[in-house]
Amino acid sequence: MLKRTLILGFLLSASLAFGQLDSNSITVTASQSVNLQPDQVLFAVYVSTPLTASLDDVLAAVKGAGITSANFSGVYSSATAQSGTGTGNGQPPAEQWAFGLAVPFAQMKATVTALTSLQQSITQASSGFTLSFSVQSAQVSTSLLQSQSCNIPGLIADATAQAQKLAAAAGLNLGSILAMSSNTSSPVANNSVPVANIGLISSGILTTPQGCALTVKFTVTRF
């Protein structure tokens, strides 16, 4: 359903009282909102390592789950600023590497299995690496976002109908279209997850609004 936001922009000259209406116009903005159902789940994957580990070392350890540098979100060090030899709680300093892994809902179970297996193998390797993961959120994939298009003819029809009502109410006759401009707003799917924040963040499946708007400028004349 088209939701209407009306912007009445009568550009009347100072001589309007004398009947000079040549410069008059009405500008109307019609908008359309579509709720997209998320089609993928974003996993937050965290790898804790000694300070000597590099990103390449971590990527080599997690490649079995299909995680690459494109999934990298950030790194956090727990080393103290004073000595760099401890964290103040009896634990040696470490780094936490964060990754975001987005997969279709149909692959969620297989991904949990793969991450669990990887978690166990990393621990058994006794390399000082540990892995944890959680569901970060549900989101709309980039491919689904790109597949959506605005209903331009419908927006023009809606803008015209509303402009006609405004013109009639002002005792004017709606003329031709002078100019149009469109705008599309939608969220961007990404793999970003919080750094140094292990745990379940959000598992709610929410609809994601995508909006289209069209601003149309019409001429108006006196009946």
C-alpha atoms as a PDB file:
ATOM      1  CA  MET A   1       0.000   0.000   0.000  1.00  0.00           C
ATOM      2  CA  LEU A   2       1.317   3.427  -0.870  1.00  0.00           C
ATOM      3  CA  LYS A   3       1.878   5.684   2.077  1.00  0.00           C
ATOM      4  CA  ARG A   4       1.612   9.324   1.214  1.00  0.00           C
ATOM      5  CA  THR A   5       3.724  12.162   2.401  1.00  0.00           C
ATOM      6  CA  LEU A   6       2.548  15.385   0.911  1.00  0.00           C
ATOM      7  CA  ILE A   7       4.656  18.426   0.426  1.00  0.00           C
ATOM      8  CA  LEU A   8       2.619  21.356  -0.803  1.00  0.00           C
ATOM      9  CA  GLY A   9       4.974  23.812  -2.384  1.00  0.00           C
ATOM     10  CA  PHE A  10       3.063  26.660  -3.889  1.00  0.00           C
ATOM     11  CA  LEU A  11       5.702  28.847  -5.448  1.00  0.00           C
ATOM     12  CA  LEU A  12       3.576  31.952  -5.703  1.00  0.00           C
ATOM     13  CA  SER A  13       5.099  35.219  -6.859  1.00  0.00           C
ATOM     14  CA  ALA A  14       4.554  38.468  -4.996  1.00  0.00           C
ATOM     15  CA  SER A  15       2.119  39.483  -7.735  1.00  0.00           C
ATOM     16  CA  LEU A  16      -0.234  36.538  -7.106  1.00  0.00           C
ATOM     17  CA  ALA A  17      -2.937  38.887  -5.889  1.00  0.00           C
ATOM     18  CA  PHE A  18      -2.994  40.325  -9.365  1.00  0.00           C
ATOM     19  CA  GLY A  19      -3.652  37.006 -11.018  1.00  0.00           C
ATOM     20  CA  GLN A  20      -0.176  36.197 -12.413  1.00  0.00           C
ATOM     21  CA  LEU A  21      -0.011  32.432 -11.883  1.00  0.00           C
ATOM     22  CA  ASP A  22       2.532  31.448 -14.526  1.00  0.00           C
ATOM     23  CA  SER A  23       5.209  30.482 -11.989  1.00  0.00           C
ATOM     24  CA  ASN A  24       2.965  28.367  -9.758  1.00  0.00           C
ATOM     25  CA  SER A  25       3.665  24.734  -9.072  1.00  0.00           C
ATOM     26  CA  ILE A  26       2.781  21.936  -6.672  1.00  0.00           C
ATOM     27  CA  THR A  27       5.353  19.442  -5.428  1.00  0.00           C
ATOM     28  CA  VAL A  28       4.151  16.113  -4.045  1.00  0.00           C
ATOM     29  CA  THR A  29       6.179  13.258  -2.597  1.00  0.00           C
ATOM     30  CA  ALA A  30       4.664   9.763  -2.703  1.00  0.00           C
ATOM     31  CA  SER A  31       6.331   6.940  -0.797  1.00  0.00           C
ATOM     32  CA  GLN A  32       6.106   3.174  -0.851  1.00  0.00           C
ATOM     33  CA  SER A  33       7.297   0.826   1.897  1.00  0.00           C
ATOM     34  CA  VAL A  34       7.990  -2.886   1.513  1.00  0.00           C
ATOM     35  CA  ASN A  35       8.804  -5.190   4.436  1.00  0.00           C
ATOM     36  CA  LEU A  36      11.438  -7.747   3.487  1.00  0.00           C
ATOM     37  CA  GLN A  37      11.709 -10.961   5.474  1.00  0.00           C
ATOM     38  CA  PRO A  38      15.310 -11.787   6.490  1.00  0.00           C
ATOM     39  CA  ASP A  39      16.681 -14.728   4.538  1.00  0.00           C
ATOM     40  CA  GLN A  40      19.990 -15.318   6.312  1.00  0.00           C
ATOM     41  CA  VAL A  41      21.464 -15.541   9.803  1.00  0.00           C
ATOM     42  CA  LEU A  42      24.649 -13.825  10.953  1.00  0.00           C
ATOM     43  CA  PHE A  43      26.963 -15.789  13.232  1.00  0.00           C
ATOM     44  CA  ALA A  44      29.449 -14.003  15.479  1.00  0.00           C
ATOM     45  CA  VAL A  45      32.639 -16.070  15.637  1.00  0.00           C
ATOM     46  CA  TYR A  46      35.389 -15.234  18.132  1.00  0.00           C
ATOM     47  CA  VAL A  47      38.895 -16.713  18.261  1.00  0.00           C
ATOM     48  CA  SER A  48      41.082 -16.052  21.300  1.00  0.00           C
ATOM     49  CA  THR A  49      44.821 -16.388  20.678  1.00  0.00           C
ATOM     50  CA  PRO A  50      48.198 -15.537  22.259  1.00  0.00           C
ATOM     51  CA  LEU A  51      49.509 -12.069  21.421  1.00  0.00           C
ATOM     52  CA  THR A  52      52.017 -13.570  19.002  1.00  0.00           C
ATOM     53  CA  ALA A  53      49.316 -14.814  16.612  1.00  0.00           C
ATOM     54  CA  SER A  54      48.681 -12.976  13.357  1.00  0.00           C
ATOM     55  CA  LEU A  55      45.532 -12.660  11.254  1.00  0.00           C
ATOM     56  CA  ASP A  56      46.968 -15.196   8.820  1.00  0.00           C
ATOM     57  CA  ASP A  57      47.403 -17.663  11.696  1.00  0.00           C
ATOM     58  CA  VAL A  58      43.789 -17.197  12.739  1.00  0.00           C
ATOM     59  CA  LEU A  59      42.449 -17.482   9.179  1.00  0.00           C
ATOM     60  CA  ALA A  60      44.364 -20.730   8.727  1.00  0.00           C
ATOM     61  CA  ALA A  61      42.754 -22.071  11.898  1.00  0.00           C
ATOM     62  CA  VAL A  62      39.159 -21.201  10.863  1.00  0.00           C
ATOM     63  CA  LYS A  63      39.245 -21.881   7.119  1.00  0.00           C
ATOM     64  CA  GLY A  64      37.487 -25.204   7.714  1.00  0.00           C
ATOM     65  CA  ALA A  65      34.288 -23.266   8.483  1.00  0.00           C
ATOM     66  CA  GLY A  66      34.515 -21.193   5.319  1.00  0.00           C
ATOM     67  CA  ILE A  67      35.714 -18.074   7.133  1.00  0.00           C
ATOM     68  CA  THR A  68      37.997 -15.753   5.156  1.00  0.00           C
ATOM     69  CA  SER A  69      39.471 -12.281   5.514  1.00  0.00           C
ATOM     70  CA  ALA A  70      36.198 -10.910   4.085  1.00  0.00           C
ATOM     71  CA  ASN A  71      34.482 -12.023   7.300  1.00  0.00           C
ATOM     72  CA  PHE A  72      36.970 -10.265   9.587  1.00  0.00           C
ATOM     73  CA  SER A  73      35.328  -7.690  11.871  1.00  0.00           C
ATOM     74  CA  GLY A  74      38.044  -6.595  14.298  1.00  0.00           C
ATOM     75  CA  VAL A  75      40.535  -7.549  16.997  1.00  0.00           C
ATOM     76  CA  TYR A  76      40.795  -6.757  20.700  1.00  0.00           C
ATOM     77  CA  SER A  77      43.795  -7.188  22.998  1.00  0.00           C
ATOM     78  CA  SER A  78      43.410  -7.918  26.705  1.00  0.00           C
ATOM     79  CA  ALA A  79      47.037  -7.040  27.507  1.00  0.00           C
ATOM     80  CA  THR A  80      47.507  -4.382  30.186  1.00  0.00           C
ATOM     81  CA  ALA A  81      49.026  -1.070  29.236  1.00  0.00           C
ATOM     82  CA  GLN A  82      51.494  -1.209  32.119  1.00  0.00           C
ATOM     83  CA  SER A  83      53.440  -4.410  31.565  1.00  0.00           C
ATOM     84  CA  GLY A  84      51.792  -6.402  28.801  1.00  0.00           C
ATOM     85  CA  THR A  85      52.395  -9.561  30.840  1.00  0.00           C
ATOM     86  CA  GLY A  86      49.027 -10.144  32.408  1.00  0.00           C
ATOM     87  CA  THR A  87      45.390  -9.117  32.483  1.00  0.00           C
ATOM     88  CA  GLY A  88      45.055  -8.564  36.206  1.00  0.00           C
ATOM     89  CA  ASN A  89      42.912 -11.683  36.701  1.00  0.00           C
ATOM     90  CA  GLY A  90      45.625 -14.335  36.602  1.00  0.00           C
ATOM     91  CA  GLN A  91      45.159 -14.966  32.889  1.00  0.00           C
ATOM     92  CA  PRO A  92      47.909 -14.365  30.310  1.00  0.00           C
ATOM     93  CA  PRO A  93      47.316 -11.562  27.828  1.00  0.00           C
ATOM     94  CA  ALA A  94      45.441 -12.584  24.708  1.00  0.00           C
ATOM     95  CA  GLU A  95      43.816 -11.253  21.589  1.00  0.00           C
ATOM     96  CA  GLN A  96      40.240 -11.809  20.501  1.00  0.00           C
ATOM     97  CA  TRP A  97      39.594 -11.911  16.755  1.00  0.00           C
ATOM     98  CA  ALA A  98      36.010 -11.285  15.663  1.00  0.00           C
ATOM     99  CA  PHE A  99      34.378 -12.554  12.471  1.00  0.00           C
ATOM    100  CA  GLY A 100      30.869 -12.301  11.034  1.00  0.00           C
ATOM    101  CA  LEU A 101      29.642 -15.293   9.040  1.00  0.00           C
ATOM    102  CA  ALA A 102      26.342 -14.802   7.182  1.00  0.00           C
ATOM    103  CA  VAL A 103      24.616 -17.922   5.826  1.00  0.00           C
ATOM    104  CA  PRO A 104      21.130 -18.718   4.435  1.00  0.00           C
ATOM    105  CA  PHE A 105      18.626 -20.053   6.955  1.00  0.00           C
ATOM    106  CA  ALA A 106      18.735 -23.417   5.190  1.00  0.00           C
ATOM    107  CA  GLN A 107      22.434 -23.711   6.077  1.00  0.00           C
ATOM    108  CA  MET A 108      22.087 -22.683   9.713  1.00  0.00           C
ATOM    109  CA  LYS A 109      22.132 -26.226  11.136  1.00  0.00           C
ATOM    110  CA  ALA A 110      25.093 -27.267   8.988  1.00  0.00           C
ATOM    111  CA  THR A 111      26.985 -24.128  10.025  1.00  0.00           C
ATOM    112  CA  VAL A 112      26.413 -24.818  13.720  1.00  0.00           C
ATOM    113  CA  THR A 113      27.745 -28.349  13.163  1.00  0.00           C
ATOM    114  CA  ALA A 114      30.810 -27.057  11.306  1.00  0.00           C
ATOM    115  CA  LEU A 115      31.593 -24.405  13.920  1.00  0.00           C
ATOM    116  CA  THR A 116      31.152 -26.884  16.771  1.00  0.00           C
ATOM    117  CA  SER A 117      33.518 -29.322  15.078  1.00  0.00           C
ATOM    118  CA  LEU A 118      36.026 -26.527  14.459  1.00  0.00           C
ATOM    119  CA  GLN A 119      35.734 -25.419  18.065  1.00  0.00           C
ATOM    120  CA  GLN A 120      36.641 -28.905  19.268  1.00  0.00           C
ATOM    121  CA  SER A 121      39.517 -29.387  16.827  1.00  0.00           C
ATOM    122  CA  ILE A 122      41.083 -26.031  17.727  1.00  0.00           C
ATOM    123  CA  THR A 123      40.961 -26.905  21.432  1.00  0.00           C
ATOM    124  CA  GLN A 124      42.456 -30.356  20.830  1.00  0.00           C
ATOM    125  CA  ALA A 125      45.320 -28.843  18.830  1.00  0.00           C
ATOM    126  CA  SER A 126      46.649 -27.243  22.045  1.00  0.00           C
ATOM    127  CA  SER A 127      47.840 -24.204  20.125  1.00  0.00           C
ATOM    128  CA  GLY A 128      46.553 -21.735  22.675  1.00  0.00           C
ATOM    129  CA  PHE A 129      43.637 -20.897  20.387  1.00  0.00           C
ATOM    130  CA  THR A 130      40.016 -21.130  21.527  1.00  0.00           C
ATOM    131  CA  LEU A 131      36.873 -20.520  19.501  1.00  0.00           C
ATOM    132  CA  SER A 132      33.379 -19.471  20.512  1.00  0.00           C
ATOM    133  CA  PHE A 133      30.375 -18.489  18.442  1.00  0.00           C
ATOM    134  CA  SER A 134      26.804 -17.285  18.751  1.00  0.00           C
ATOM    135  CA  VAL A 135      23.901 -16.107  16.634  1.00  0.00           C
ATOM    136  CA  GLN A 136      24.297 -12.373  16.126  1.00  0.00           C
ATOM    137  CA  SER A 137      21.132 -11.549  14.183  1.00  0.00           C
ATOM    138  CA  ALA A 138      18.864 -12.342  11.265  1.00  0.00           C
ATOM    139  CA  GLN A 139      19.252 -10.087   8.246  1.00  0.00           C
ATOM    140  CA  VAL A 140      18.281  -9.539   4.636  1.00  0.00           C
ATOM    141  CA  SER A 141      20.918 -10.681   2.175  1.00  0.00           C
ATOM    142  CA  THR A 142      22.469  -8.321  -0.345  1.00  0.00           C
ATOM    143  CA  SER A 143      21.045 -10.371  -3.217  1.00  0.00           C
ATOM    144  CA  LEU A 144      17.485 -10.006  -1.881  1.00  0.00           C
ATOM    145  CA  LEU A 145      17.919  -6.267  -1.372  1.00  0.00           C
ATOM    146  CA  GLN A 146      19.205  -5.847  -4.919  1.00  0.00           C
ATOM    147  CA  SER A 147      16.307  -7.834  -6.348  1.00  0.00           C
ATOM    148  CA  GLN A 148      13.749  -5.286  -5.134  1.00  0.00           C
ATOM    149  CA  SER A 149      12.630  -2.454  -7.379  1.00  0.00           C
ATOM    150  CA  CYS A 150      10.441   0.586  -6.883  1.00  0.00           C
ATOM    151  CA  ASN A 151       6.994   0.739  -8.489  1.00  0.00           C
ATOM    152  CA  ILE A 152       7.567   4.022 -10.328  1.00  0.00           C
ATOM    153  CA  PRO A 153       4.272   4.018 -12.298  1.00  0.00           C
ATOM    154  CA  GLY A 154       2.362   3.430  -9.060  1.00  0.00           C
ATOM    155  CA  LEU A 155       4.220   6.244  -7.311  1.00  0.00           C
ATOM    156  CA  ILE A 156       3.523   8.635 -10.196  1.00  0.00           C
ATOM    157  CA  ALA A 157      -0.174   7.714 -10.119  1.00  0.00           C
ATOM    158  CA  ASP A 158      -0.340   8.278  -6.375  1.00  0.00           C
ATOM    159  CA  ALA A 159       1.492  11.606  -6.604  1.00  0.00           C
ATOM    160  CA  THR A 160      -0.790  12.748  -9.422  1.00  0.00           C
ATOM    161  CA  ALA A 161      -3.944  11.854  -7.489  1.00  0.00           C
ATOM    162  CA  GLN A 162      -2.795  13.737  -4.412  1.00  0.00           C
ATOM    163  CA  ALA A 163      -1.607  16.749  -6.411  1.00  0.00           C
ATOM    164  CA  GLN A 164      -4.994  16.861  -8.160  1.00  0.00           C
ATOM    165  CA  LYS A 165      -6.784  17.041  -4.798  1.00  0.00           C
ATOM    166  CA  LEU A 166      -4.501  19.821  -3.582  1.00  0.00           C
ATOM    167  CA  ALA A 167      -4.884  21.794  -6.783  1.00  0.00           C
ATOM    168  CA  ALA A 168      -8.678  21.483  -6.739  1.00  0.00           C
ATOM    169  CA  ALA A 169      -8.819  22.555  -3.085  1.00  0.00           C
ATOM    170  CA  ALA A 170      -6.819  25.679  -3.987  1.00  0.00           C
ATOM    171  CA  GLY A 171      -9.025  26.475  -6.982  1.00  0.00           C
ATOM    172  CA  LEU A 172      -6.307  25.569  -9.463  1.00  0.00           C
ATOM    173  CA  ASN A 173      -6.015  23.231 -12.424  1.00  0.00           C
ATOM    174  CA  LEU A 174      -3.258  20.598 -12.355  1.00  0.00           C
ATOM    175  CA  GLY A 175      -0.987  20.700 -15.381  1.00  0.00           C
ATOM    176  CA  SER A 176       1.939  18.687 -16.664  1.00  0.00           C
ATOM    177  CA  ILE A 177       4.914  17.248 -14.785  1.00  0.00           C
ATOM    178  CA  LEU A 178       7.859  19.630 -14.564  1.00  0.00           C
ATOM    179  CA  ALA A 179      10.380  17.442 -12.764  1.00  0.00           C
ATOM    180  CA  MET A 180      10.751  14.164 -10.863  1.00  0.00           C
ATOM    181  CA  SER A 181      13.317  12.742  -8.453  1.00  0.00           C
ATOM    182  CA  SER A 182      13.355   9.345  -6.768  1.00  0.00           C
ATOM    183  CA  ASN A 183      15.015   7.929  -3.684  1.00  0.00           C
ATOM    184  CA  THR A 184      15.389   4.377  -2.388  1.00  0.00           C
ATOM    185  CA  SER A 185      16.363   3.620   1.191  1.00  0.00           C
ATOM    186  CA  SER A 186      17.238   0.182   2.516  1.00  0.00           C
ATOM    187  CA  PRO A 187      19.556  -1.376   5.080  1.00  0.00           C
ATOM    188  CA  VAL A 188      22.874  -2.836   3.975  1.00  0.00           C
ATOM    189  CA  ALA A 189      23.669  -6.447   4.783  1.00  0.00           C
ATOM    190  CA  ASN A 190      27.075  -6.820   6.410  1.00  0.00           C
ATOM    191  CA  ASN A 191      29.286  -9.141   8.436  1.00  0.00           C
ATOM    192  CA  SER A 192      30.076  -6.719  11.251  1.00  0.00           C
ATOM    193  CA  VAL A 193      29.921  -8.090  14.804  1.00  0.00           C
ATOM    194  CA  PRO A 194      30.949  -6.559  18.159  1.00  0.00           C
ATOM    195  CA  VAL A 195      34.571  -7.045  19.189  1.00  0.00           C
ATOM    196  CA  ALA A 196      35.236  -8.433  22.693  1.00  0.00           C
ATOM    197  CA  ASN A 197      31.565  -9.162  23.274  1.00  0.00           C
ATOM    198  CA  ILE A 198      31.110 -12.922  23.341  1.00  0.00           C
ATOM    199  CA  GLY A 199      27.555 -14.132  23.795  1.00  0.00           C
ATOM    200  CA  LEU A 200      24.155 -14.222  22.187  1.00  0.00           C
ATOM    201  CA  ILE A 201      23.311 -10.795  20.837  1.00  0.00           C
ATOM    202  CA  SER A 202      20.010 -11.191  19.038  1.00  0.00           C
ATOM    203  CA  SER A 203      18.169 -14.077  17.482  1.00  0.00           C
ATOM    204  CA  GLY A 204      14.912 -12.304  16.643  1.00  0.00           C
ATOM    205  CA  ILE A 205      13.650 -12.598  13.076  1.00  0.00           C
ATOM    206  CA  LEU A 206      12.400  -9.158  12.124  1.00  0.00           C
ATOM    207  CA  THR A 207      11.081  -7.703   8.921  1.00  0.00           C
ATOM    208  CA  THR A 208      13.340  -5.160   7.274  1.00  0.00           C
ATOM    209  CA  PRO A 209      11.697  -2.082   5.728  1.00  0.00           C
ATOM    210  CA  GLN A 210      12.775  -0.846   2.345  1.00  0.00           C
ATOM    211  CA  GLY A 211      11.406   2.469   1.170  1.00  0.00           C
ATOM    212  CA  CYS A 212      10.913   4.074  -2.225  1.00  0.00           C
ATOM    213  CA  ALA A 213       9.992   7.726  -2.643  1.00  0.00           C
ATOM    214  CA  LEU A 214       9.223   9.816  -5.694  1.00  0.00           C
ATOM    215  CA  THR A 215       8.974  13.611  -5.661  1.00  0.00           C
ATOM    216  CA  VAL A 216       6.982  15.072  -8.540  1.00  0.00           C
ATOM    217  CA  LYS A 217       6.632  18.744  -9.432  1.00  0.00           C
ATOM    218  CA  PHE A 218       3.514  19.760 -11.391  1.00  0.00           C
ATOM    219  CA  THR A 219       2.476  22.979 -13.047  1.00  0.00           C
ATOM    220  CA  VAL A 220      -0.787  24.545 -11.887  1.00  0.00           C
ATOM    221  CA  THR A 221      -3.016  27.091 -13.608  1.00  0.00           C
ATOM    222  CA  ARG A 222      -6.235  28.877 -12.774  1.00  0.00           C
ATOM    223  CA  PHE A 223      -9.467  27.251 -13.932  1.00  0.00           C
END
